[in-house]
Amino acid sequence: MRYTTVTFILRPVIFGLLLSTVLITPRAVAFQQCIDKGKISYSDRGCPPDASARRFQNKVTGPSDPAAAQARHEANVAQLRHLQQQRLQQERQHQRWLRHQQAEAQRRQLAARRHTQKCQRLAMNARTADRELALVTRRGHGRALLRSQHAHERLAFYCGR
């Protein structure tokens, strides 16, 4: 690889930029708490001249016991896994319930269709028995009358007509 003068000039500039980003962290930035007429504001550039200023100390610190923090983290991860498993189980139960409801609805539709078909068949049998009653001679009239009555009773019993 050939080095040019641009490479030699850019290398320290890039190194300086990287070093400055590492050195300027949120903890290194100095914030001031400004109190102006009872209102509190925070600034990193300084307060207005008529406001009182004091250095803001960030009270958030790292964990005092890294082992305890690691244990809390692992407990949180375990609890999160447990909650995810519960959610997945509830989702599976809900899916089973939905499938059951769909199957039950289909079963009810099929039962209603069968009931309608049976009522249509019984109504047709009653009409046929009535026609036979009208066409029968005197000799078979009693039997045709019973057949017609039974057909109408079955129709009324099953279909409420």
Protein backbone atom coordinates (compact mmCIF):
# COMPACT_ATOMS: atom_id res chain seq x y z
CA MET A 1 0.00 0.00 0.00
CA ARG A 2 1.32 3.41 -0.93
CA TYR A 3 1.25 6.20 1.58
CA THR A 4 0.71 9.68 0.36
CA THR A 5 0.93 13.01 2.13
CA VAL A 6 -2.86 13.06 2.40
CA THR A 7 -2.75 9.81 4.40
CA PHE A 8 -0.15 11.23 6.74
CA ILE A 9 -2.24 14.38 7.24
CA LEU A 10 -5.57 12.61 7.66
CA ARG A 11 -4.35 9.93 10.06
CA PRO A 12 -3.74 12.34 13.01
CA VAL A 13 -6.99 14.19 12.27
CA ILE A 14 -9.01 10.96 12.38
CA PHE A 15 -7.17 9.85 15.52
CA GLY A 16 -7.91 13.21 17.15
CA LEU A 17 -11.61 12.96 16.29
CA LEU A 18 -11.84 9.46 17.72
CA LEU A 19 -9.98 10.48 20.85
CA SER A 20 -12.23 13.51 21.35
CA THR A 21 -15.38 11.38 21.08
CA VAL A 22 -14.01 9.02 23.70
CA LEU A 23 -12.98 11.79 26.07
CA ILE A 24 -16.21 13.79 25.80
CA THR A 25 -18.73 11.57 27.51
CA PRO A 26 -21.98 12.61 29.18
CA ARG A 27 -20.24 12.55 32.55
CA ALA A 28 -17.56 14.95 31.32
CA VAL A 29 -20.07 17.58 30.18
CA ALA A 30 -20.73 20.11 32.92
CA PHE A 31 -24.38 21.04 33.34
CA GLN A 32 -25.59 23.97 35.36
CA GLN A 33 -28.84 24.28 37.21
CA CYS A 34 -30.27 27.76 36.60
CA ILE A 35 -32.89 29.23 38.93
CA ASP A 36 -34.58 32.26 37.42
CA LYS A 37 -37.63 33.74 39.25
CA GLY A 38 -38.44 30.37 40.82
CA LYS A 39 -38.20 28.42 37.56
CA ILE A 40 -35.53 25.74 37.33
CA SER A 41 -33.82 25.00 34.05
CA TYR A 42 -30.69 23.10 33.06
CA SER A 43 -28.06 24.27 30.62
CA ASP A 44 -24.62 23.28 29.43
CA ARG A 45 -23.86 26.79 28.10
CA GLY A 46 -24.34 28.91 31.19
CA CYS A 47 -27.23 30.69 32.86
CA PRO A 48 -28.72 34.11 32.05
CA PRO A 49 -27.11 37.00 33.98
CA ASP A 50 -30.03 37.55 36.39
CA ALA A 51 -30.35 33.85 37.29
CA SER A 52 -28.51 32.05 40.04
CA ALA A 53 -26.41 29.15 38.86
CA ARG A 54 -25.00 26.11 40.50
CA ARG A 55 -23.22 23.11 39.10
CA PHE A 56 -25.59 20.22 38.48
CA GLN A 57 -24.40 16.93 39.86
CA ASN A 58 -25.80 13.88 38.14
CA LYS A 59 -26.80 11.56 40.94
CA VAL A 60 -27.08 8.52 38.71
CA THR A 61 -24.15 6.26 39.37
CA GLY A 62 -23.21 2.79 38.32
CA PRO A 63 -24.08 -0.22 40.42
CA SER A 64 -22.26 -0.42 43.71
CA ASP A 65 -22.22 -4.21 43.51
CA PRO A 66 -21.72 -5.53 39.96
CA ALA A 67 -22.52 -9.09 41.05
CA ALA A 68 -25.89 -7.98 42.45
CA ALA A 69 -26.59 -6.03 39.27
CA GLN A 70 -25.77 -9.13 37.20
CA ALA A 71 -28.05 -11.23 39.39
CA ARG A 72 -30.89 -8.69 38.98
CA HIS A 73 -30.33 -8.69 35.24
CA GLU A 74 -30.48 -12.49 35.09
CA ALA A 75 -33.63 -12.49 37.23
CA ASN A 76 -35.19 -9.92 34.91
CA VAL A 77 -34.26 -11.99 31.86
CA ALA A 78 -35.73 -15.12 33.47
CA GLN A 79 -38.92 -13.25 34.34
CA LEU A 80 -39.13 -11.92 30.78
CA ARG A 81 -38.75 -15.46 29.38
CA HIS A 82 -41.45 -16.68 31.76
CA LEU A 83 -43.81 -13.89 30.66
CA GLN A 84 -43.12 -14.65 27.00
CA GLN A 85 -43.87 -18.34 27.56
CA GLN A 86 -47.12 -17.42 29.33
CA ARG A 87 -48.08 -15.14 26.46
CA LEU A 88 -47.36 -17.87 23.91
CA GLN A 89 -49.36 -20.39 25.93
CA GLN A 90 -52.29 -17.96 26.17
CA GLU A 91 -52.05 -17.37 22.42
CA ARG A 92 -52.16 -21.14 21.77
CA GLN A 93 -55.17 -21.48 24.09
CA HIS A 94 -56.90 -18.62 22.30
CA GLN A 95 -56.21 -20.26 18.91
CA ARG A 96 -57.65 -23.56 20.20
CA TRP A 97 -60.71 -21.72 21.49
CA LEU A 98 -61.18 -20.00 18.11
CA ARG A 99 -60.91 -23.33 16.26
CA HIS A 100 -63.45 -24.83 18.69
CA GLN A 101 -65.82 -21.91 18.14
CA GLN A 102 -65.50 -22.24 14.37
CA ALA A 103 -66.15 -25.98 14.52
CA GLU A 104 -69.14 -25.41 16.79
CA ALA A 105 -70.56 -22.80 14.40
CA GLN A 106 -70.14 -25.20 11.47
CA ARG A 107 -71.81 -27.97 13.47
CA ARG A 108 -74.75 -25.68 14.26
CA GLN A 109 -75.05 -24.67 10.60
CA LEU A 110 -75.07 -28.30 9.54
CA ALA A 111 -77.68 -29.16 12.18
CA ALA A 112 -79.87 -26.25 11.04
CA ARG A 113 -79.53 -27.33 7.41
CA ARG A 114 -80.46 -30.92 8.31
CA HIS A 115 -83.43 -29.71 10.34
CA THR A 116 -84.62 -27.56 7.42
CA GLN A 117 -84.25 -30.48 5.03
CA LYS A 118 -86.17 -32.78 7.39
CA CYS A 119 -88.96 -30.20 7.75
CA GLN A 120 -89.16 -29.88 3.97
CA ARG A 121 -89.33 -33.66 3.62
CA LEU A 122 -92.06 -33.93 6.31
CA ALA A 123 -94.06 -31.12 4.67
CA MET A 124 -93.82 -32.91 1.34
CA ASN A 125 -94.98 -36.15 3.00
CA ALA A 126 -97.95 -34.30 4.56
CA ARG A 127 -98.90 -32.80 1.17
CA THR A 128 -98.61 -36.20 -0.47
CA ALA A 129 -100.78 -37.77 2.23
CA ASP A 130 -103.38 -35.01 1.73
CA ARG A 131 -103.42 -35.63 -2.04
CA GLU A 132 -103.82 -39.37 -1.48
CA LEU A 133 -106.66 -38.66 0.94
CA ALA A 134 -108.41 -36.59 -1.71
CA LEU A 135 -107.98 -39.28 -4.37
CA VAL A 136 -108.74 -42.37 -2.29
CA THR A 137 -111.94 -44.29 -2.65
CA ARG A 138 -114.31 -44.92 0.15
CA ARG A 139 -112.77 -48.24 0.98
CA GLY A 140 -109.24 -46.93 1.79
CA HIS A 141 -110.40 -43.62 3.26
CA GLY A 142 -109.76 -44.54 6.92
CA ARG A 143 -106.18 -45.63 6.26
CA ALA A 144 -105.44 -42.54 4.13
CA LEU A 145 -106.95 -40.30 6.81
CA LEU A 146 -104.68 -41.83 9.50
CA ARG A 147 -101.65 -41.49 7.23
CA SER A 148 -102.46 -37.80 6.63
CA GLN A 149 -103.03 -37.13 10.35
CA HIS A 150 -99.74 -38.83 11.30
CA ALA A 151 -97.84 -36.88 8.63
CA HIS A 152 -99.24 -33.59 9.97
CA GLU A 153 -98.47 -34.61 13.58
CA ARG A 154 -94.86 -35.41 12.68
CA LEU A 155 -94.60 -32.09 10.82
CA ALA A 156 -96.01 -30.20 13.81
CA PHE A 157 -93.77 -32.07 16.28
CA TYR A 158 -90.45 -31.59 14.44
CA CYS A 159 -91.07 -28.27 12.74
CA GLY A 160 -93.68 -26.53 14.88
CA ARG A 161 -96.10 -26.14 11.97
